[in-house]
Amino acid sequence: MADEESGSRIRDLDTHVGARIRLRRAMLGMSQEKLGEAIGLTFQQIQKYERGTNRVSASRLFDIARVLDVPIGFFYDDMPLDPAAVPPVSPAVVTGFAEAQQSFGGPPTIALSTPSTASLDANVLSRRETLDLVRAYYRIPDAGVRKRVLDLIRSMAPPSDGI
């Protein structure tokens, strides 16, 4: 039984690391193919890493971190204390958003809930809508205008737990 529990935790960790690879790659607007080319792998292998199907070795994670310009610790950030609490990977949420930059539209693909201050749902962070919003926000050259846009969005959202 302990071996099964340990195996489950390892798979949960692999899934979390894969989700963080996908998140950062998406934030950069990089395709799986481009990431694979940069580290000498096929996009299929990148898919397997991102889904947690294949475990990422330490040296490969180092290469990925270098290409994605993040410290290795980034892949373990927001790791739940209980690895079983890692949300499942939802390919429908993230499919194809790096190559097709489309504006907001249609209903959200997942139910939104008010995130806790401890962690944000990785699925929300990897949605095309979220990435479009962040990219558009940072294209606003005037910092004062950006602050007013942020204030407007906060005024429209329901109260939260300090976020």
N, C-alpha and C. Protein backbone atom coordinates (compact mmCIF):
# COMPACT_ATOMS: atom_id res chain seq x y z
N MET A 1 0.82 -1.20 0.00
CA MET A 1 0.00 0.00 0.00
C MET A 1 0.87 1.26 0.00
N ALA A 2 1.95 1.23 0.78
CA ALA A 2 2.84 2.40 0.84
C ALA A 2 3.48 2.66 -0.52
N ASP A 3 3.83 1.56 -1.25
CA ASP A 3 4.40 1.72 -2.58
C ASP A 3 3.41 2.37 -3.53
N GLU A 4 2.14 1.99 -3.45
CA GLU A 4 1.11 2.59 -4.29
C GLU A 4 0.97 4.07 -3.98
N GLU A 5 0.98 4.42 -2.69
CA GLU A 5 0.86 5.81 -2.28
C GLU A 5 2.05 6.62 -2.76
N SER A 6 3.25 6.05 -2.64
CA SER A 6 4.46 6.73 -3.08
C SER A 6 4.43 6.92 -4.59
N GLY A 7 4.02 5.90 -5.33
CA GLY A 7 3.91 6.00 -6.78
C GLY A 7 2.92 7.07 -7.20
N SER A 8 1.82 7.17 -6.47
CA SER A 8 0.80 8.18 -6.76
C SER A 8 1.36 9.58 -6.53
N ARG A 9 2.11 9.76 -5.45
CA ARG A 9 2.70 11.08 -5.16
C ARG A 9 3.72 11.48 -6.22
N ILE A 10 4.49 10.50 -6.69
CA ILE A 10 5.48 10.78 -7.73
C ILE A 10 4.77 11.21 -9.00
N ARG A 11 3.70 10.50 -9.39
CA ARG A 11 2.94 10.88 -10.58
C ARG A 11 2.34 12.28 -10.40
N ASP A 12 1.84 12.57 -9.20
CA ASP A 12 1.28 13.89 -8.94
C ASP A 12 2.35 14.97 -9.08
N LEU A 13 3.54 14.69 -8.59
CA LEU A 13 4.65 15.63 -8.73
C LEU A 13 5.01 15.83 -10.20
N ASP A 14 5.08 14.74 -10.95
CA ASP A 14 5.39 14.83 -12.39
C ASP A 14 4.32 15.65 -13.11
N THR A 15 3.06 15.46 -12.73
CA THR A 15 1.96 16.21 -13.35
C THR A 15 2.09 17.69 -13.02
N HIS A 16 2.45 18.00 -11.77
CA HIS A 16 2.60 19.40 -11.36
C HIS A 16 3.75 20.06 -12.13
N VAL A 17 4.89 19.39 -12.20
CA VAL A 17 6.04 19.94 -12.92
C VAL A 17 5.67 20.14 -14.39
N GLY A 18 4.98 19.17 -14.98
CA GLY A 18 4.55 19.29 -16.37
C GLY A 18 3.62 20.47 -16.58
N ALA A 19 2.70 20.67 -15.65
CA ALA A 19 1.76 21.80 -15.75
C ALA A 19 2.51 23.13 -15.68
N ARG A 20 3.54 23.19 -14.85
CA ARG A 20 4.33 24.41 -14.72
C ARG A 20 5.17 24.67 -15.99
N ILE A 21 5.66 23.59 -16.61
CA ILE A 21 6.37 23.74 -17.89
C ILE A 21 5.41 24.33 -18.91
N ARG A 22 4.21 23.77 -18.99
CA ARG A 22 3.20 24.24 -19.95
C ARG A 22 2.84 25.70 -19.67
N LEU A 23 2.65 26.03 -18.40
CA LEU A 23 2.30 27.40 -18.02
C LEU A 23 3.36 28.39 -18.50
N ARG A 24 4.61 28.13 -18.20
CA ARG A 24 5.67 29.07 -18.58
C ARG A 24 5.82 29.15 -20.10
N ARG A 25 5.75 28.00 -20.76
CA ARG A 25 5.86 27.99 -22.22
C ARG A 25 4.74 28.83 -22.82
N ALA A 26 3.54 28.67 -22.29
CA ALA A 26 2.39 29.43 -22.78
C ALA A 26 2.54 30.92 -22.50
N MET A 27 3.08 31.26 -21.32
CA MET A 27 3.27 32.67 -20.99
C MET A 27 4.21 33.34 -21.99
N LEU A 28 5.14 32.57 -22.50
CA LEU A 28 6.09 33.10 -23.48
C LEU A 28 5.56 33.03 -24.91
N GLY A 29 4.40 32.38 -25.08
CA GLY A 29 3.85 32.22 -26.42
C GLY A 29 4.66 31.25 -27.27
N MET A 30 5.32 30.33 -26.62
CA MET A 30 6.18 29.37 -27.31
C MET A 30 5.42 28.07 -27.55
N SER A 31 5.56 27.52 -28.73
CA SER A 31 4.91 26.24 -29.04
C SER A 31 5.71 25.08 -28.46
N GLN A 32 5.06 23.94 -28.34
CA GLN A 32 5.75 22.73 -27.90
C GLN A 32 6.87 22.38 -28.88
N GLU A 33 6.62 22.61 -30.15
CA GLU A 33 7.62 22.32 -31.18
C GLU A 33 8.87 23.18 -30.98
N LYS A 34 8.68 24.48 -30.73
CA LYS A 34 9.83 25.39 -30.54
C LYS A 34 10.62 25.01 -29.29
N LEU A 35 9.92 24.68 -28.21
CA LEU A 35 10.63 24.26 -26.99
C LEU A 35 11.41 22.98 -27.27
N GLY A 36 10.77 22.05 -27.94
CA GLY A 36 11.45 20.79 -28.27
C GLY A 36 12.70 21.02 -29.11
N GLU A 37 12.59 21.86 -30.12
CA GLU A 37 13.74 22.17 -30.98
C GLU A 37 14.88 22.77 -30.15
N ALA A 38 14.54 23.64 -29.22
CA ALA A 38 15.57 24.33 -28.43
C ALA A 38 16.36 23.38 -27.54
N ILE A 39 15.74 22.25 -27.16
CA ILE A 39 16.45 21.31 -26.28
C ILE A 39 16.69 19.95 -26.94
N GLY A 40 16.41 19.88 -28.25
CA GLY A 40 16.72 18.66 -29.00
C GLY A 40 15.73 17.52 -28.82
N LEU A 41 14.45 17.85 -28.64
CA LEU A 41 13.40 16.84 -28.48
C LEU A 41 12.27 17.10 -29.47
N THR A 42 11.42 16.11 -29.63
CA THR A 42 10.23 16.28 -30.46
C THR A 42 9.13 16.95 -29.64
N PHE A 43 8.15 17.54 -30.32
CA PHE A 43 7.04 18.15 -29.60
C PHE A 43 6.25 17.08 -28.86
N GLN A 44 6.26 15.84 -29.36
CA GLN A 44 5.55 14.76 -28.68
C GLN A 44 6.15 14.49 -27.29
N GLN A 45 7.48 14.57 -27.20
CA GLN A 45 8.12 14.37 -25.90
C GLN A 45 7.77 15.51 -24.95
N ILE A 46 7.72 16.72 -25.47
CA ILE A 46 7.31 17.87 -24.64
C ILE A 46 5.88 17.64 -24.14
N GLN A 47 4.99 17.16 -25.01
CA GLN A 47 3.61 16.85 -24.60
C GLN A 47 3.61 15.85 -23.45
N LYS A 48 4.42 14.82 -23.56
CA LYS A 48 4.48 13.79 -22.50
C LYS A 48 4.97 14.39 -21.19
N TYR A 49 5.96 15.28 -21.26
CA TYR A 49 6.42 15.94 -20.05
C TYR A 49 5.30 16.79 -19.45
N GLU A 50 4.64 17.57 -20.29
CA GLU A 50 3.61 18.49 -19.81
C GLU A 50 2.41 17.76 -19.22
N ARG A 51 2.11 16.59 -19.71
CA ARG A 51 0.99 15.80 -19.17
C ARG A 51 1.39 14.99 -17.95
N GLY A 52 2.69 14.91 -17.69
CA GLY A 52 3.16 14.11 -16.57
C GLY A 52 3.25 12.64 -16.92
N THR A 53 3.12 12.31 -18.21
CA THR A 53 3.20 10.92 -18.66
C THR A 53 4.64 10.42 -18.53
N ASN A 54 5.60 11.25 -18.90
CA ASN A 54 7.02 10.94 -18.75
C ASN A 54 7.63 11.87 -17.72
N ARG A 55 8.49 11.32 -16.90
CA ARG A 55 9.17 12.10 -15.87
C ARG A 55 10.31 12.89 -16.51
N VAL A 56 10.48 14.14 -16.08
CA VAL A 56 11.56 15.00 -16.59
C VAL A 56 12.78 14.78 -15.71
N SER A 57 13.89 14.41 -16.34
CA SER A 57 15.13 14.22 -15.58
C SER A 57 15.65 15.57 -15.10
N ALA A 58 16.54 15.53 -14.13
CA ALA A 58 17.11 16.76 -13.58
C ALA A 58 17.85 17.55 -14.66
N SER A 59 18.64 16.87 -15.48
CA SER A 59 19.39 17.59 -16.52
C SER A 59 18.45 18.17 -17.57
N ARG A 60 17.40 17.45 -17.90
CA ARG A 60 16.43 17.96 -18.89
C ARG A 60 15.66 19.14 -18.30
N LEU A 61 15.31 19.07 -17.02
CA LEU A 61 14.61 20.18 -16.39
C LEU A 61 15.50 21.42 -16.37
N PHE A 62 16.79 21.22 -16.17
CA PHE A 62 17.75 22.32 -16.23
C PHE A 62 17.72 22.97 -17.61
N ASP A 63 17.74 22.14 -18.67
CA ASP A 63 17.70 22.66 -20.04
C ASP A 63 16.40 23.42 -20.30
N ILE A 64 15.29 22.86 -19.84
CA ILE A 64 13.99 23.51 -20.04
C ILE A 64 13.94 24.84 -19.31
N ALA A 65 14.44 24.86 -18.07
CA ALA A 65 14.46 26.10 -17.29
C ALA A 65 15.29 27.18 -17.99
N ARG A 66 16.40 26.77 -18.57
CA ARG A 66 17.27 27.72 -19.27
C ARG A 66 16.54 28.31 -20.48
N VAL A 67 15.89 27.47 -21.26
CA VAL A 67 15.18 27.94 -22.46
C VAL A 67 13.98 28.81 -22.07
N LEU A 68 13.28 28.43 -21.01
CA LEU A 68 12.09 29.18 -20.59
C LEU A 68 12.44 30.36 -19.68
N ASP A 69 13.74 30.52 -19.39
CA ASP A 69 14.25 31.65 -18.62
C ASP A 69 13.62 31.76 -17.24
N VAL A 70 13.62 30.64 -16.52
CA VAL A 70 13.13 30.62 -15.14
C VAL A 70 14.08 29.78 -14.29
N PRO A 71 14.12 30.03 -12.98
CA PRO A 71 14.91 29.14 -12.12
C PRO A 71 14.21 27.78 -12.01
N ILE A 72 14.95 26.74 -11.74
CA ILE A 72 14.37 25.41 -11.64
C ILE A 72 13.26 25.37 -10.59
N GLY A 73 13.40 26.14 -9.53
CA GLY A 73 12.39 26.18 -8.49
C GLY A 73 11.01 26.59 -9.00
N PHE A 74 10.97 27.31 -10.12
CA PHE A 74 9.69 27.73 -10.69
C PHE A 74 8.77 26.54 -10.91
N PHE A 75 9.33 25.40 -11.31
CA PHE A 75 8.52 24.23 -11.63
C PHE A 75 7.90 23.59 -10.40
N TYR A 76 8.39 23.98 -9.22
CA TYR A 76 7.85 23.44 -7.97
C TYR A 76 7.04 24.48 -7.20
N ASP A 77 7.00 25.71 -7.70
CA ASP A 77 6.21 26.76 -7.06
C ASP A 77 4.75 26.34 -7.01
N ASP A 78 4.06 26.80 -6.00
CA ASP A 78 2.63 26.53 -5.81
C ASP A 78 2.33 25.05 -5.65
N MET A 79 3.34 24.28 -5.30
CA MET A 79 3.14 22.85 -5.09
C MET A 79 2.32 22.67 -3.82
N PRO A 80 1.17 22.01 -3.93
CA PRO A 80 0.37 21.78 -2.73
C PRO A 80 1.15 20.95 -1.72
N LEU A 81 0.89 21.19 -0.44
CA LEU A 81 1.54 20.37 0.58
C LEU A 81 1.14 18.91 0.41
N ASP A 82 -0.10 18.68 -0.03
CA ASP A 82 -0.58 17.34 -0.32
C ASP A 82 -0.53 17.15 -1.83
N PRO A 83 0.48 16.42 -2.34
CA PRO A 83 0.60 16.27 -3.79
C PRO A 83 -0.66 15.70 -4.45
N ALA A 84 -1.48 15.00 -3.71
CA ALA A 84 -2.71 14.46 -4.28
C ALA A 84 -3.67 15.58 -4.66
N ALA A 85 -3.42 16.79 -4.14
CA ALA A 85 -4.30 17.92 -4.42
C ALA A 85 -3.94 18.62 -5.74
N VAL A 86 -2.92 18.14 -6.45
CA VAL A 86 -2.55 18.75 -7.72
C VAL A 86 -3.71 18.58 -8.69
N PRO A 87 -4.19 19.68 -9.31
CA PRO A 87 -5.32 19.55 -10.22
C PRO A 87 -4.94 18.73 -11.44
N PRO A 88 -5.88 17.95 -11.98
CA PRO A 88 -5.58 17.16 -13.15
C PRO A 88 -5.32 18.04 -14.36
N VAL A 89 -4.51 17.54 -15.27
CA VAL A 89 -4.21 18.27 -16.50
C VAL A 89 -5.44 18.20 -17.39
N SER A 90 -5.81 19.33 -17.94
CA SER A 90 -6.98 19.39 -18.81
C SER A 90 -6.53 19.88 -20.18
N PRO A 91 -6.24 18.95 -21.12
CA PRO A 91 -5.73 19.36 -22.42
C PRO A 91 -6.68 20.27 -23.17
N ALA A 92 -7.99 20.15 -22.94
CA ALA A 92 -8.95 20.99 -23.65
C ALA A 92 -8.76 22.46 -23.33
N VAL A 93 -8.22 22.75 -22.16
CA VAL A 93 -8.05 24.14 -21.73
C VAL A 93 -6.88 24.79 -22.43
N VAL A 94 -5.82 24.04 -22.73
CA VAL A 94 -4.60 24.64 -23.22
C VAL A 94 -4.26 24.33 -24.67
N THR A 95 -5.04 23.54 -25.33
CA THR A 95 -4.71 23.11 -26.69
C THR A 95 -4.58 24.28 -27.64
N GLY A 96 -3.42 24.42 -28.25
CA GLY A 96 -3.21 25.33 -29.36
C GLY A 96 -3.17 26.80 -29.07
N PHE A 97 -3.11 27.26 -27.85
CA PHE A 97 -3.20 28.69 -27.60
C PHE A 97 -1.91 29.43 -27.91
N ALA A 98 -0.78 28.76 -27.96
CA ALA A 98 0.47 29.47 -28.21
C ALA A 98 0.57 29.93 -29.66
N GLU A 99 0.03 29.15 -30.59
CA GLU A 99 0.14 29.50 -31.99
C GLU A 99 -1.00 30.41 -32.46
N ALA A 100 -2.17 30.26 -31.88
CA ALA A 100 -3.34 31.02 -32.33
C ALA A 100 -3.69 32.08 -31.30
N GLN A 101 -3.26 33.29 -31.55
CA GLN A 101 -3.54 34.38 -30.63
C GLN A 101 -4.91 34.97 -30.95
N GLN A 102 -5.93 34.50 -30.28
CA GLN A 102 -7.27 35.00 -30.51
C GLN A 102 -7.71 35.83 -29.31
N SER A 103 -8.63 36.72 -29.56
CA SER A 103 -9.15 37.56 -28.48
C SER A 103 -10.12 36.77 -27.64
N PHE A 104 -10.59 37.39 -26.58
CA PHE A 104 -11.56 36.77 -25.71
C PHE A 104 -12.76 36.37 -26.52
N GLY A 105 -13.43 35.34 -26.09
CA GLY A 105 -14.65 34.96 -26.78
C GLY A 105 -15.15 33.64 -26.26
N GLY A 106 -16.45 33.49 -26.29
CA GLY A 106 -17.06 32.25 -25.86
C GLY A 106 -17.00 32.08 -24.36
N PRO A 107 -17.73 31.10 -23.89
CA PRO A 107 -17.75 30.87 -22.45
C PRO A 107 -16.43 30.27 -21.98
N PRO A 108 -16.08 30.46 -20.72
CA PRO A 108 -14.85 29.87 -20.21
C PRO A 108 -14.93 28.36 -20.29
N THR A 109 -13.76 27.73 -20.48
CA THR A 109 -13.73 26.28 -20.60
C THR A 109 -13.74 25.58 -19.25
N ILE A 110 -13.53 26.33 -18.16
CA ILE A 110 -13.60 25.74 -16.83
C ILE A 110 -14.39 26.67 -15.94
N ALA A 111 -14.93 26.11 -14.89
CA ALA A 111 -15.67 26.94 -13.95
C ALA A 111 -14.69 27.78 -13.16
N LEU A 112 -14.97 29.05 -13.04
CA LEU A 112 -14.10 29.94 -12.29
C LEU A 112 -14.53 29.97 -10.84
N SER A 113 -13.56 29.97 -9.95
CA SER A 113 -13.84 30.13 -8.54
C SER A 113 -12.89 31.19 -8.03
N THR A 114 -13.18 31.76 -6.91
CA THR A 114 -12.29 32.76 -6.34
C THR A 114 -11.05 32.06 -5.84
N PRO A 115 -9.87 32.38 -6.39
CA PRO A 115 -8.65 31.69 -5.98
C PRO A 115 -8.24 32.10 -4.57
N SER A 116 -7.57 31.19 -3.88
CA SER A 116 -7.05 31.52 -2.57
C SER A 116 -5.76 32.31 -2.76
N THR A 117 -5.31 32.95 -1.69
CA THR A 117 -4.05 33.69 -1.78
C THR A 117 -2.87 32.74 -1.84
N ALA A 118 -3.03 31.51 -1.39
CA ALA A 118 -1.92 30.56 -1.37
C ALA A 118 -1.53 30.11 -2.77
N SER A 119 -2.52 29.88 -3.62
CA SER A 119 -2.20 29.43 -4.97
C SER A 119 -3.34 29.73 -5.91
N LEU A 120 -3.01 29.91 -7.17
CA LEU A 120 -4.02 30.09 -8.20
C LEU A 120 -4.16 28.79 -8.96
N ASP A 121 -5.36 28.52 -9.42
CA ASP A 121 -5.61 27.33 -10.19
C ASP A 121 -4.78 27.37 -11.46
N ALA A 122 -3.95 26.36 -11.67
CA ALA A 122 -3.08 26.32 -12.85
C ALA A 122 -3.90 26.34 -14.13
N ASN A 123 -5.10 25.78 -14.10
CA ASN A 123 -5.94 25.79 -15.30
C ASN A 123 -6.34 27.21 -15.67
N VAL A 124 -6.62 28.06 -14.71
CA VAL A 124 -6.97 29.46 -14.99
C VAL A 124 -5.77 30.18 -15.58
N LEU A 125 -4.59 29.90 -15.04
CA LEU A 125 -3.38 30.57 -15.52
C LEU A 125 -2.98 30.13 -16.92
N SER A 126 -3.43 28.97 -17.35
CA SER A 126 -3.04 28.49 -18.67
C SER A 126 -4.13 28.68 -19.72
N ARG A 127 -5.20 29.36 -19.36
CA ARG A 127 -6.26 29.64 -20.33
C ARG A 127 -5.82 30.73 -21.30
N ARG A 128 -6.25 30.63 -22.53
CA ARG A 128 -5.92 31.62 -23.57
C ARG A 128 -6.38 33.01 -23.12
N GLU A 129 -7.55 33.10 -22.55
CA GLU A 129 -8.10 34.39 -22.13
C GLU A 129 -7.17 35.08 -21.13
N THR A 130 -6.64 34.32 -20.18
CA THR A 130 -5.74 34.88 -19.18
C THR A 130 -4.47 35.41 -19.84
N LEU A 131 -3.92 34.61 -20.73
CA LEU A 131 -2.68 35.03 -21.41
C LEU A 131 -2.92 36.24 -22.29
N ASP A 132 -4.05 36.27 -23.01
CA ASP A 132 -4.38 37.44 -23.82
C ASP A 132 -4.49 38.69 -22.96
N LEU A 133 -5.14 38.56 -21.82
CA LEU A 133 -5.33 39.69 -20.92
C LEU A 133 -3.98 40.21 -20.41
N VAL A 134 -3.12 39.31 -19.98
CA VAL A 134 -1.81 39.72 -19.46
C VAL A 134 -0.97 40.38 -20.56
N ARG A 135 -0.96 39.77 -21.73
CA ARG A 135 -0.18 40.35 -22.84
C ARG A 135 -0.70 41.73 -23.22
N ALA A 136 -2.02 41.88 -23.30
CA ALA A 136 -2.60 43.18 -23.66
C ALA A 136 -2.29 44.22 -22.58
N TYR A 137 -2.40 43.82 -21.33
CA TYR A 137 -2.14 44.72 -20.20
C TYR A 137 -0.71 45.28 -20.29
N TYR A 138 0.26 44.41 -20.52
CA TYR A 138 1.64 44.87 -20.55
C TYR A 138 2.03 45.58 -21.85
N ARG A 139 1.15 45.57 -22.84
CA ARG A 139 1.39 46.37 -24.04
C ARG A 139 0.93 47.81 -23.85
N ILE A 140 0.23 48.09 -22.76
CA ILE A 140 -0.18 49.47 -22.47
C ILE A 140 1.07 50.20 -21.97
N PRO A 141 1.54 51.20 -22.73
CA PRO A 141 2.83 51.83 -22.39
C PRO A 141 2.79 52.72 -21.14
N ASP A 142 1.66 53.30 -20.83
CA ASP A 142 1.55 54.24 -19.72
C ASP A 142 1.22 53.50 -18.43
N ALA A 143 2.13 53.56 -17.45
CA ALA A 143 1.93 52.86 -16.17
C ALA A 143 0.68 53.35 -15.44
N GLY A 144 0.37 54.63 -15.55
CA GLY A 144 -0.82 55.17 -14.90
C GLY A 144 -2.10 54.59 -15.49
N VAL A 145 -2.12 54.44 -16.80
CA VAL A 145 -3.27 53.84 -17.47
C VAL A 145 -3.40 52.38 -17.06
N ARG A 146 -2.25 51.67 -17.00
CA ARG A 146 -2.30 50.26 -16.57
C ARG A 146 -2.89 50.16 -15.17
N LYS A 147 -2.49 51.06 -14.27
CA LYS A 147 -3.02 51.02 -12.91
C LYS A 147 -4.53 51.26 -12.90
N ARG A 148 -5.01 52.20 -13.72
CA ARG A 148 -6.45 52.48 -13.78
C ARG A 148 -7.22 51.29 -14.35
N VAL A 149 -6.63 50.62 -15.33
CA VAL A 149 -7.28 49.41 -15.88
C VAL A 149 -7.37 48.34 -14.79
N LEU A 150 -6.30 48.15 -14.05
CA LEU A 150 -6.30 47.18 -12.97
C LEU A 150 -7.34 47.56 -11.90
N ASP A 151 -7.39 48.82 -11.54
CA ASP A 151 -8.39 49.28 -10.57
C ASP A 151 -9.81 49.03 -11.07
N LEU A 152 -10.04 49.27 -12.37
CA LEU A 152 -11.36 49.03 -12.96
C LEU A 152 -11.74 47.55 -12.86
N ILE A 153 -10.81 46.68 -13.22
CA ILE A 153 -11.09 45.24 -13.17
C ILE A 153 -11.37 44.81 -11.74
N ARG A 154 -10.57 45.29 -10.80
CA ARG A 154 -10.79 44.94 -9.40
C ARG A 154 -12.15 45.43 -8.91
N SER A 155 -12.57 46.61 -9.38
CA SER A 155 -13.87 47.15 -8.94
C SER A 155 -15.03 46.32 -9.49
N MET A 156 -14.83 45.63 -10.59
CA MET A 156 -15.88 44.83 -11.20
C MET A 156 -15.96 43.41 -10.64
N ALA A 157 -14.89 42.96 -10.01
CA ALA A 157 -14.82 41.59 -9.50
C ALA A 157 -15.42 41.52 -8.09
N PRO A 158 -15.94 40.36 -7.72
CA PRO A 158 -16.45 40.20 -6.35
C PRO A 158 -15.28 40.29 -5.35
N PRO A 159 -15.57 40.67 -4.12
CA PRO A 159 -14.50 40.75 -3.11
C PRO A 159 -13.82 39.39 -2.95
N SER A 160 -12.53 39.44 -2.63
CA SER A 160 -11.78 38.19 -2.46
C SER A 160 -11.04 38.21 -1.14
N ASP A 161 -10.23 37.17 -0.94
CA ASP A 161 -9.48 37.02 0.31
C ASP A 161 -8.15 37.75 0.26
N GLY A 162 -8.15 38.98 -0.18
CA GLY A 162 -6.94 39.78 -0.17
C GLY A 162 -6.10 39.72 -1.43
N ILE A 163 -6.63 39.15 -2.49
CA ILE A 163 -5.86 39.09 -3.74
C ILE A 163 -6.00 40.39 -4.49
